[in-house]
PDB file of all heavy atoms in Angstrom:
ATOM      1  N   GLY A   1     115.714  92.625  85.923  1.00  0.00           N
ATOM      2  CA  GLY A   1     115.564  92.714  87.359  1.00  0.00           C
ATOM      3  C   GLY A   1     114.275  91.759  87.820  1.00  0.00           C
ATOM      4  O   GLY A   1     114.184  91.821  89.118  1.00  0.00           O
ATOM      5  N   ILE A   2     113.610  91.227  87.098  1.00  0.00           N
ATOM      6  CA  ILE A   2     112.503  90.270  87.546  1.00  0.00           C
ATOM      7  C   ILE A   2     113.244  89.109  88.001  1.00  0.00           C
ATOM      8  O   ILE A   2     114.023  88.354  87.439  1.00  0.00           O
ATOM      9  CB  ILE A   2     111.583  89.847  86.436  1.00  0.00           C
ATOM     10  CG1 ILE A   2     110.871  91.048  85.858  1.00  0.00           C
ATOM     11  CG2 ILE A   2     110.688  88.826  86.879  1.00  0.00           C
ATOM     12  CD1 ILE A   2     109.894  90.817  84.763  1.00  0.00           C
ATOM     13  N   TYR A   3     112.949  88.771  89.321  1.00  0.00           N
ATOM     14  CA  TYR A   3     113.606  87.581  90.058  1.00  0.00           C
ATOM     15  C   TYR A   3     112.698  86.511  90.241  1.00  0.00           C
ATOM     16  O   TYR A   3     113.048  85.455  90.492  1.00  0.00           O
ATOM     17  CB  TYR A   3     114.271  88.021  91.361  1.00  0.00           C
ATOM     18  CG  TYR A   3     113.220  88.372  92.498  1.00  0.00           C
ATOM     19  CD1 TYR A   3     112.807  87.368  93.323  1.00  0.00           C
ATOM     20  CD2 TYR A   3     112.828  89.592  92.741  1.00  0.00           C
ATOM     21  CE1 TYR A   3     111.929  87.609  94.315  1.00  0.00           C
ATOM     22  CE2 TYR A   3     111.970  89.907  93.788  1.00  0.00           C
ATOM     23  CZ  TYR A   3     111.576  88.938  94.561  1.00  0.00           C
ATOM     24  OH  TYR A   3     110.653  89.133  95.480  1.00  0.00           O
ATOM     25  N   ALA A   4     111.416  86.732  90.022  1.00  0.00           N
ATOM     26  CA  ALA A   4     110.380  85.692  90.171  1.00  0.00           C
ATOM     27  C   ALA A   4     109.116  85.971  89.391  1.00  0.00           C
ATOM     28  O   ALA A   4     108.789  87.146  89.228  1.00  0.00           O
ATOM     29  CB  ALA A   4     110.011  85.290  91.622  1.00  0.00           C
ATOM     30  N   MET A   5     108.492  84.927  88.808  1.00  0.00           N
ATOM     31  CA  MET A   5     107.226  85.045  88.170  1.00  0.00           C
ATOM     32  C   MET A   5     106.358  83.802  88.607  1.00  0.00           C
ATOM     33  O   MET A   5     106.933  82.862  88.987  1.00  0.00           O
ATOM     34  CB  MET A   5     107.377  85.012  86.547  1.00  0.00           C
ATOM     35  CG  MET A   5     108.097  86.262  85.995  1.00  0.00           C
ATOM     36  SD  MET A   5     108.157  86.178  84.200  1.00  0.00           S
ATOM     37  CE  MET A   5     106.354  86.480  83.902  1.00  0.00           C
ATOM     38  N   GLY A   6     105.076  84.079  88.564  1.00  0.00           N
ATOM     39  CA  GLY A   6     104.252  83.107  89.080  1.00  0.00           C
ATOM     40  C   GLY A   6     102.801  83.395  88.745  1.00  0.00           C
ATOM     41  O   GLY A   6     102.405  84.247  88.054  1.00  0.00           O
ATOM     42  N   TRP A   7     101.966  82.574  89.355  1.00  0.00           N
ATOM     43  CA  TRP A   7     100.462  82.647  89.158  1.00  0.00           C
ATOM     44  C   TRP A   7      99.767  82.702  90.483  1.00  0.00           C
ATOM     45  O   TRP A   7     100.195  81.999  91.450  1.00  0.00           O
ATOM     46  CB  TRP A   7     100.017  81.331  88.431  1.00  0.00           C
ATOM     47  CG  TRP A   7     100.624  81.308  87.027  1.00  0.00           C
ATOM     48  CD1 TRP A   7     101.680  80.764  86.502  1.00  0.00           C
ATOM     49  CD2 TRP A   7      99.988  81.916  85.824  1.00  0.00           C
ATOM     50  NE1 TRP A   7     101.809  80.915  85.169  1.00  0.00           N
ATOM     51  CE2 TRP A   7     100.782  81.681  84.815  1.00  0.00           C
ATOM     52  CE3 TRP A   7      98.746  82.790  85.698  1.00  0.00           C
ATOM     53  CZ2 TRP A   7     100.474  82.098  83.488  1.00  0.00           C
ATOM     54  CZ3 TRP A   7      98.426  83.115  84.305  1.00  0.00           C
ATOM     55  CH2 TRP A   7      99.249  82.845  83.323  1.00  0.00           C
ATOM     56  N   TYR A   8      98.788  83.489  90.487  1.00  0.00           N
ATOM     57  CA  TYR A   8      97.958  83.674  91.571  1.00  0.00           C
ATOM     58  C   TYR A   8      96.430  83.435  91.141  1.00  0.00           C
ATOM     59  O   TYR A   8      96.273  83.577  89.954  1.00  0.00           O
ATOM     60  CB  TYR A   8      98.013  85.054  92.347  1.00  0.00           C
ATOM     61  CG  TYR A   8      99.232  85.272  93.091  1.00  0.00           C
ATOM     62  CD1 TYR A   8     100.529  85.341  92.498  1.00  0.00           C
ATOM     63  CD2 TYR A   8      99.203  85.324  94.611  1.00  0.00           C
ATOM     64  CE1 TYR A   8     101.642  85.578  93.242  1.00  0.00           C
ATOM     65  CE2 TYR A   8     100.466  85.660  95.387  1.00  0.00           C
ATOM     66  CZ  TYR A   8     101.530  85.709  94.676  1.00  0.00           C
ATOM     67  OH  TYR A   8     102.773  85.956  95.299  1.00  0.00           O
ATOM     68  N   ARG A   9      95.521  83.252  92.092  1.00  0.00           N
ATOM     69  CA  ARG A   9      94.143  83.049  91.620  1.00  0.00           C
ATOM     70  C   ARG A   9      93.218  83.730  92.714  1.00  0.00           C
ATOM     71  O   ARG A   9      93.632  83.763  93.891  1.00  0.00           O
ATOM     72  CB  ARG A   9      93.721  81.671  91.381  1.00  0.00           C
ATOM     73  CG  ARG A   9      93.789  80.755  92.564  1.00  0.00           C
ATOM     74  CD  ARG A   9      93.464  79.252  92.162  1.00  0.00           C
ATOM     75  NE  ARG A   9      93.529  78.401  93.349  1.00  0.00           N
ATOM     76  CZ  ARG A   9      93.377  77.126  93.294  1.00  0.00           C
ATOM     77  NH1 ARG A   9      93.421  76.390  92.029  1.00  0.00           N
ATOM     78  NH2 ARG A   9      93.389  76.297  94.297  1.00  0.00           N
ATOM     79  N   GLN A  10      92.060  84.178  92.290  1.00  0.00           N
ATOM     80  CA  GLN A  10      91.119  84.723  93.159  1.00  0.00           C
ATOM     81  C   GLN A  10      89.736  84.195  92.752  1.00  0.00           C
ATOM     82  O   GLN A  10      89.254  84.462  91.641  1.00  0.00           O
ATOM     83  CB  GLN A  10      91.289  86.127  93.092  1.00  0.00           C
ATOM     84  CG  GLN A  10      90.324  86.863  94.169  1.00  0.00           C
ATOM     85  CD  GLN A  10      90.656  88.304  94.299  1.00  0.00           C
ATOM     86  OE1 GLN A  10      91.214  89.008  93.497  1.00  0.00           O
ATOM     87  NE2 GLN A  10      90.195  88.976  95.561  1.00  0.00           N
ATOM     88  N   ALA A  11      89.140  83.491  93.710  1.00  0.00           N
ATOM     89  CA  ALA A  11      87.833  82.936  93.464  1.00  0.00           C
ATOM     90  C   ALA A  11      86.858  83.941  94.113  1.00  0.00           C
ATOM     91  O   ALA A  11      87.232  84.755  95.032  1.00  0.00           O
ATOM     92  CB  ALA A  11      87.549  81.617  94.139  1.00  0.00           C
ATOM     93  N   PRO A  12      85.511  83.990  93.675  1.00  0.00           N
ATOM     94  CA  PRO A  12      84.570  84.984  94.267  1.00  0.00           C
ATOM     95  C   PRO A  12      84.462  84.812  95.631  1.00  0.00           C
ATOM     96  O   PRO A  12      84.277  83.858  96.324  1.00  0.00           O
ATOM     97  CB  PRO A  12      83.251  84.528  93.488  1.00  0.00           C
ATOM     98  CG  PRO A  12      83.791  83.950  92.310  1.00  0.00           C
ATOM     99  CD  PRO A  12      85.016  83.220  92.497  1.00  0.00           C
ATOM    100  N   GLY A  13      84.553  86.072  96.365  1.00  0.00           N
ATOM    101  CA  GLY A  13      84.383  86.176  97.760  1.00  0.00           C
ATOM    102  C   GLY A  13      85.599  85.636  98.535  1.00  0.00           C
ATOM    103  O   GLY A  13      85.570  85.611  99.724  1.00  0.00           O
ATOM    104  N   LYS A  14      86.691  85.391  97.860  1.00  0.00           N
ATOM    105  CA  LYS A  14      87.871  84.783  98.606  1.00  0.00           C
ATOM    106  C   LYS A  14      89.180  85.847  98.299  1.00  0.00           C
ATOM    107  O   LYS A  14      89.088  86.611  97.282  1.00  0.00           O
ATOM    108  CB  LYS A  14      88.262  83.353  98.134  1.00  0.00           C
ATOM    109  CG  LYS A  14      87.186  82.439  98.535  1.00  0.00           C
ATOM    110  CD  LYS A  14      87.726  81.012  98.162  1.00  0.00           C
ATOM    111  CE  LYS A  14      86.711  79.880  98.802  1.00  0.00           C
ATOM    112  NZ  LYS A  14      87.207  78.586  98.422  1.00  0.00           N
ATOM    113  N   GLN A  15      90.122  85.630  98.958  1.00  0.00           N
ATOM    114  CA  GLN A  15      91.333  86.448  98.781  1.00  0.00           C
ATOM    115  C   GLN A  15      92.159  85.789  97.703  1.00  0.00           C
ATOM    116  O   GLN A  15      92.070  84.690  97.564  1.00  0.00           O
ATOM    117  CB  GLN A  15      92.089  86.597 100.112  1.00  0.00           C
ATOM    118  CG  GLN A  15      91.602  87.338 101.250  1.00  0.00           C
ATOM    119  CD  GLN A  15      92.421  87.520 102.408  1.00  0.00           C
ATOM    120  OE1 GLN A  15      93.355  86.711 102.691  1.00  0.00           O
ATOM    121  NE2 GLN A  15      92.310  88.659 103.204  1.00  0.00           N
ATOM    122  N   ARG A  16      92.872  86.610  97.126  1.00  0.00           N
ATOM    123  CA  ARG A  16      93.872  86.140  96.168  1.00  0.00           C
ATOM    124  C   ARG A  16      94.954  85.329  96.804  1.00  0.00           C
ATOM    125  O   ARG A  16      95.502  85.648  97.847  1.00  0.00           O
ATOM    126  CB  ARG A  16      94.589  87.367  95.392  1.00  0.00           C
ATOM    127  CG  ARG A  16      95.307  86.964  94.150  1.00  0.00           C
ATOM    128  CD  ARG A  16      95.680  88.226  93.434  1.00  0.00           C
ATOM    129  NE  ARG A  16      94.667  88.991  92.926  1.00  0.00           N
ATOM    130  CZ  ARG A  16      94.885  90.054  92.155  1.00  0.00           C
ATOM    131  NH1 ARG A  16      96.047  90.408  91.617  1.00  0.00           N
ATOM    132  NH2 ARG A  16      93.725  90.713  91.585  1.00  0.00           N
ATOM    133  N   GLU A  17      95.175  84.191  96.134  1.00  0.00           N
ATOM    134  CA  GLU A  17      96.260  83.343  96.793  1.00  0.00           C
ATOM    135  C   GLU A  17      97.287  82.917  95.722  1.00  0.00           C
ATOM    136  O   GLU A  17      96.986  82.759  94.531  1.00  0.00           O
ATOM    137  CB  GLU A  17      95.526  82.065  97.212  1.00  0.00           C
ATOM    138  CG  GLU A  17      94.766  81.216  96.271  1.00  0.00           C
ATOM    139  CD  GLU A  17      94.147  79.986  96.764  1.00  0.00           C
ATOM    140  OE1 GLU A  17      94.161  79.608  98.063  1.00  0.00           O
ATOM    141  OE2 GLU A  17      93.613  79.216  95.982  1.00  0.00           O
ATOM    142  N   LEU A  18      98.415  82.495  96.208  1.00  0.00           N
ATOM    143  CA  LEU A  18      99.530  82.052  95.355  1.00  0.00           C
ATOM    144  C   LEU A  18      99.110  80.581  94.843  1.00  0.00           C
ATOM    145  O   LEU A  18      98.702  79.708  95.650  1.00  0.00           O
ATOM    146  CB  LEU A  18     100.733  81.913  96.143  1.00  0.00           C
ATOM    147  CG  LEU A  18     102.015  81.279  95.381  1.00  0.00           C
ATOM    148  CD1 LEU A  18     102.463  82.120  94.207  1.00  0.00           C
ATOM    149  CD2 LEU A  18     103.203  80.981  96.316  1.00  0.00           C
ATOM    150  N   VAL A  19      99.298  80.276  93.544  1.00  0.00           N
ATOM    151  CA  VAL A  19      99.160  79.112  93.003  1.00  0.00           C
ATOM    152  C   VAL A  19     100.639  78.441  92.855  1.00  0.00           C
ATOM    153  O   VAL A  19     100.802  77.329  93.392  1.00  0.00           O
ATOM    154  CB  VAL A  19      98.349  79.062  91.656  1.00  0.00           C
ATOM    155  CG1 VAL A  19      98.395  77.797  91.079  1.00  0.00           C
ATOM    156  CG2 VAL A  19      97.073  79.784  91.812  1.00  0.00           C
ATOM    157  N   ALA A  20     101.444  79.132  92.240  1.00  0.00           N
ATOM    158  CA  ALA A  20     102.811  78.518  92.003  1.00  0.00           C
ATOM    159  C   ALA A  20     103.670  79.816  91.539  1.00  0.00           C
ATOM    160  O   ALA A  20     103.204  80.682  90.871  1.00  0.00           O
ATOM    161  CB  ALA A  20     102.796  77.594  90.911  1.00  0.00           C
ATOM    162  N   ASP A  21     104.947  79.677  91.800  1.00  0.00           N
ATOM    163  CA  ASP A  21     105.925  80.619  91.331  1.00  0.00           C
ATOM    164  C   ASP A  21     107.225  80.004  91.065  1.00  0.00           C
ATOM    165  O   ASP A  21     107.503  78.888  91.479  1.00  0.00           O
ATOM    166  CB  ASP A  21     106.044  81.959  92.144  1.00  0.00           C
ATOM    167  CG  ASP A  21     106.610  81.629  93.599  1.00  0.00           C
ATOM    168  OD1 ASP A  21     107.138  80.577  93.862  1.00  0.00           O
ATOM    169  OD2 ASP A  21     106.440  82.495  94.430  1.00  0.00           O
ATOM    170  N   ILE A  22     108.071  80.677  90.273  1.00  0.00           N
ATOM    171  CA  ILE A  22     109.436  80.170  89.892  1.00  0.00           C
ATOM    172  C   ILE A  22     110.436  81.293  89.868  1.00  0.00           C
ATOM    173  O   ILE A  22     109.971  82.449  89.192  1.00  0.00           O
ATOM    174  CB  ILE A  22     109.387  79.402  88.480  1.00  0.00           C
ATOM    175  CG1 ILE A  22     110.715  78.825  88.053  1.00  0.00           C
ATOM    176  CG2 ILE A  22     108.818  80.388  87.372  1.00  0.00           C
ATOM    177  CD1 ILE A  22     110.604  77.803  86.900  1.00  0.00           C
ATOM    178  N   THR A  23     111.490  81.074  90.426  1.00  0.00           N
ATOM    179  CA  THR A  23     112.536  82.057  90.461  1.00  0.00           C
ATOM    180  C   THR A  23     113.353  82.077  89.361  1.00  0.00           C
ATOM    181  O   THR A  23     113.487  81.097  88.600  1.00  0.00           O
ATOM    182  CB  THR A  23     113.263  82.104  91.826  1.00  0.00           C
ATOM    183  OG1 THR A  23     114.126  80.866  91.822  1.00  0.00           O
ATOM    184  CG2 THR A  23     112.331  82.073  92.982  1.00  0.00           C
ATOM    185  N   SER A  24     114.250  83.117  89.126  1.00  0.00           N
ATOM    186  CA  SER A  24     115.167  83.185  88.168  1.00  0.00           C
ATOM    187  C   SER A  24     116.263  82.128  88.341  1.00  0.00           C
ATOM    188  O   SER A  24     116.893  81.735  87.312  1.00  0.00           O
ATOM    189  CB  SER A  24     115.825  84.583  88.017  1.00  0.00           C
ATOM    190  OG  SER A  24     116.385  84.904  89.237  1.00  0.00           O
ATOM    191  N   GLY A  25     116.459  81.648  89.547  1.00  0.00           N
ATOM    192  CA  GLY A  25     117.307  80.515  89.782  1.00  0.00           C
ATOM    193  C   GLY A  25     116.665  79.135  89.575  1.00  0.00           C
ATOM    194  O   GLY A  25     117.375  78.173  89.671  1.00  0.00           O
ATOM    195  N   GLY A  26     115.362  79.188  89.253  1.00  0.00           N
ATOM    196  CA  GLY A  26     114.801  77.956  88.962  1.00  0.00           C
ATOM    197  C   GLY A  26     114.041  77.246  90.145  1.00  0.00           C
ATOM    198  O   GLY A  26     113.509  76.109  90.124  1.00  0.00           O
TER     199      GLY A  26
END
């Protein structure tokens, strides 16, 4: 049931942000 996986990052004092993601469809 996982349709996407990815990476987020959070620097000190900043909000978590998307770095990259990839869906099950590529």
